[in-house]
N, C-alpha and C. Protein backbone atom coordinates (compact mmCIF):
# COMPACT_ATOMS: atom_id res chain seq x y z
N MET A 1 -57.00 37.51 12.25
CA MET A 1 -57.68 38.03 13.44
C MET A 1 -57.09 37.35 14.67
N SER A 2 -56.95 38.10 15.74
CA SER A 2 -56.42 37.55 16.98
C SER A 2 -57.42 36.59 17.62
N SER A 3 -56.93 35.75 18.52
CA SER A 3 -57.84 34.83 19.20
C SER A 3 -58.82 35.61 20.08
N ILE A 4 -58.37 36.74 20.63
CA ILE A 4 -59.28 37.58 21.42
C ILE A 4 -60.37 38.15 20.51
N GLY A 5 -59.97 38.64 19.37
CA GLY A 5 -60.92 39.21 18.42
C GLY A 5 -61.93 38.20 17.94
N ALA A 6 -61.47 36.98 17.69
CA ALA A 6 -62.37 35.93 17.23
C ALA A 6 -63.39 35.58 18.31
N LYS A 7 -62.93 35.45 19.54
CA LYS A 7 -63.84 35.11 20.64
C LYS A 7 -64.82 36.23 20.93
N ALA A 8 -64.35 37.47 20.83
CA ALA A 8 -65.21 38.62 21.13
C ALA A 8 -65.99 39.09 19.91
N LYS A 9 -65.66 38.52 18.75
CA LYS A 9 -66.30 38.92 17.48
C LYS A 9 -66.10 40.42 17.23
N LEU A 10 -64.84 40.86 17.44
CA LEU A 10 -64.46 42.24 17.20
C LEU A 10 -63.31 42.28 16.21
N SER A 11 -63.17 43.40 15.53
CA SER A 11 -62.07 43.55 14.58
C SER A 11 -60.74 43.67 15.33
N GLN A 12 -59.66 43.40 14.59
CA GLN A 12 -58.32 43.50 15.17
C GLN A 12 -58.05 44.91 15.69
N SER A 13 -58.47 45.93 14.94
CA SER A 13 -58.22 47.30 15.39
C SER A 13 -58.99 47.64 16.66
N THR A 14 -60.21 47.14 16.79
CA THR A 14 -61.00 47.39 18.00
C THR A 14 -60.35 46.72 19.20
N VAL A 15 -59.93 45.47 19.03
CA VAL A 15 -59.26 44.76 20.12
C VAL A 15 -57.97 45.49 20.51
N SER A 16 -57.21 45.93 19.53
CA SER A 16 -55.96 46.66 19.80
C SER A 16 -56.24 47.93 20.60
N ASN A 17 -57.28 48.66 20.21
CA ASN A 17 -57.63 49.90 20.93
C ASN A 17 -58.03 49.60 22.38
N TYR A 18 -58.83 48.57 22.58
CA TYR A 18 -59.25 48.22 23.93
C TYR A 18 -58.06 47.76 24.78
N LEU A 19 -57.19 46.94 24.21
CA LEU A 19 -56.02 46.48 24.95
C LEU A 19 -55.10 47.63 25.29
N ASP A 20 -54.96 48.59 24.38
CA ASP A 20 -54.15 49.77 24.65
C ASP A 20 -54.71 50.57 25.82
N MET A 21 -56.02 50.76 25.83
CA MET A 21 -56.66 51.50 26.94
C MET A 21 -56.47 50.76 28.26
N LEU A 22 -56.68 49.45 28.25
CA LEU A 22 -56.51 48.66 29.47
C LEU A 22 -55.07 48.70 29.97
N GLN A 23 -54.12 48.67 29.03
CA GLN A 23 -52.72 48.72 29.41
C GLN A 23 -52.36 50.09 29.99
N ARG A 24 -52.83 51.17 29.36
CA ARG A 24 -52.55 52.51 29.88
C ARG A 24 -53.18 52.72 31.25
N ALA A 25 -54.30 52.05 31.53
CA ALA A 25 -54.95 52.13 32.83
C ALA A 25 -54.27 51.23 33.86
N GLY A 26 -53.34 50.41 33.40
CA GLY A 26 -52.62 49.52 34.31
C GLY A 26 -53.37 48.23 34.63
N LEU A 27 -54.46 47.97 33.92
CA LEU A 27 -55.27 46.78 34.22
C LEU A 27 -54.75 45.52 33.54
N VAL A 28 -53.97 45.67 32.48
CA VAL A 28 -53.32 44.52 31.84
C VAL A 28 -51.84 44.82 31.64
N LEU A 29 -51.05 43.77 31.64
CA LEU A 29 -49.62 43.86 31.37
C LEU A 29 -49.35 43.13 30.07
N SER A 30 -48.36 43.59 29.33
CA SER A 30 -48.04 42.93 28.07
C SER A 30 -46.59 42.47 28.08
N GLU A 31 -46.33 41.44 27.30
CA GLU A 31 -44.99 40.90 27.15
C GLU A 31 -44.81 40.50 25.70
N ARG A 32 -43.80 41.03 25.08
CA ARG A 32 -43.58 40.78 23.65
C ARG A 32 -42.57 39.65 23.47
N HIS A 33 -42.93 38.71 22.59
CA HIS A 33 -42.05 37.59 22.22
C HIS A 33 -42.02 37.55 20.70
N GLY A 34 -40.96 38.10 20.11
CA GLY A 34 -40.89 38.16 18.66
C GLY A 34 -42.00 39.04 18.12
N LYS A 35 -42.79 38.50 17.21
CA LYS A 35 -43.88 39.28 16.64
C LYS A 35 -45.17 39.19 17.45
N TRP A 36 -45.17 38.39 18.48
CA TRP A 36 -46.38 38.18 19.29
C TRP A 36 -46.33 38.98 20.57
N THR A 37 -47.46 39.53 20.96
CA THR A 37 -47.60 40.21 22.24
C THR A 37 -48.62 39.45 23.07
N TYR A 38 -48.21 39.11 24.27
CA TYR A 38 -49.09 38.36 25.18
C TYR A 38 -49.55 39.31 26.29
N TYR A 39 -50.82 39.22 26.61
CA TYR A 39 -51.42 40.08 27.62
C TYR A 39 -51.89 39.24 28.80
N ARG A 40 -51.75 39.82 29.99
CA ARG A 40 -52.29 39.17 31.19
C ARG A 40 -52.85 40.25 32.11
N ARG A 41 -53.75 39.82 32.95
CA ARG A 41 -54.36 40.75 33.91
C ARG A 41 -53.32 41.21 34.93
N ASN A 42 -53.42 42.45 35.34
CA ASN A 42 -52.58 42.96 36.42
C ASN A 42 -53.40 42.82 37.70
N GLU A 43 -53.23 41.70 38.34
CA GLU A 43 -54.07 41.36 39.50
C GLU A 43 -53.97 42.38 40.62
N GLU A 44 -52.79 42.93 40.85
CA GLU A 44 -52.61 43.90 41.94
C GLU A 44 -53.44 45.16 41.68
N THR A 45 -53.39 45.67 40.48
CA THR A 45 -54.15 46.86 40.14
C THR A 45 -55.65 46.58 40.14
N ILE A 46 -56.04 45.43 39.62
CA ILE A 46 -57.45 45.06 39.60
C ILE A 46 -57.99 44.95 41.03
N GLN A 47 -57.20 44.36 41.92
CA GLN A 47 -57.62 44.23 43.32
C GLN A 47 -57.75 45.61 43.97
N SER A 48 -56.80 46.50 43.71
CA SER A 48 -56.87 47.85 44.25
C SER A 48 -58.10 48.59 43.74
N LEU A 49 -58.40 48.44 42.47
CA LEU A 49 -59.58 49.06 41.88
C LEU A 49 -60.85 48.50 42.52
N ALA A 50 -60.90 47.21 42.72
CA ALA A 50 -62.09 46.57 43.33
C ALA A 50 -62.28 47.09 44.76
N GLU A 51 -61.20 47.23 45.52
CA GLU A 51 -61.29 47.75 46.88
C GLU A 51 -61.75 49.21 46.89
N PHE A 52 -61.25 50.00 45.94
CA PHE A 52 -61.67 51.39 45.84
C PHE A 52 -63.16 51.48 45.54
N ILE A 53 -63.61 50.71 44.57
CA ILE A 53 -65.03 50.73 44.20
C ILE A 53 -65.89 50.27 45.37
N LYS A 54 -65.45 49.23 46.05
CA LYS A 54 -66.21 48.73 47.21
C LYS A 54 -66.34 49.81 48.28
N GLY A 55 -65.26 50.56 48.50
CA GLY A 55 -65.29 51.63 49.50
C GLY A 55 -66.16 52.80 49.09
N GLU A 56 -66.35 53.00 47.81
CA GLU A 56 -67.14 54.12 47.33
C GLU A 56 -68.63 53.83 47.23
N LEU A 57 -68.98 52.55 47.19
CA LEU A 57 -70.40 52.21 47.03
C LEU A 57 -71.14 52.16 48.34
């Protein structure tokens, strides 16, 4: 189980599906190193989304 899955108490497949959705939405970026994939937040997109939501509320 991934460290994310262990912390969130979710299965590997559930975590993979969520990360895929977040990546397709542009909210996370991934970087592959050998067999490992590392994910990080896409701060620029998250900030743009936050500004959009703030303007709509």
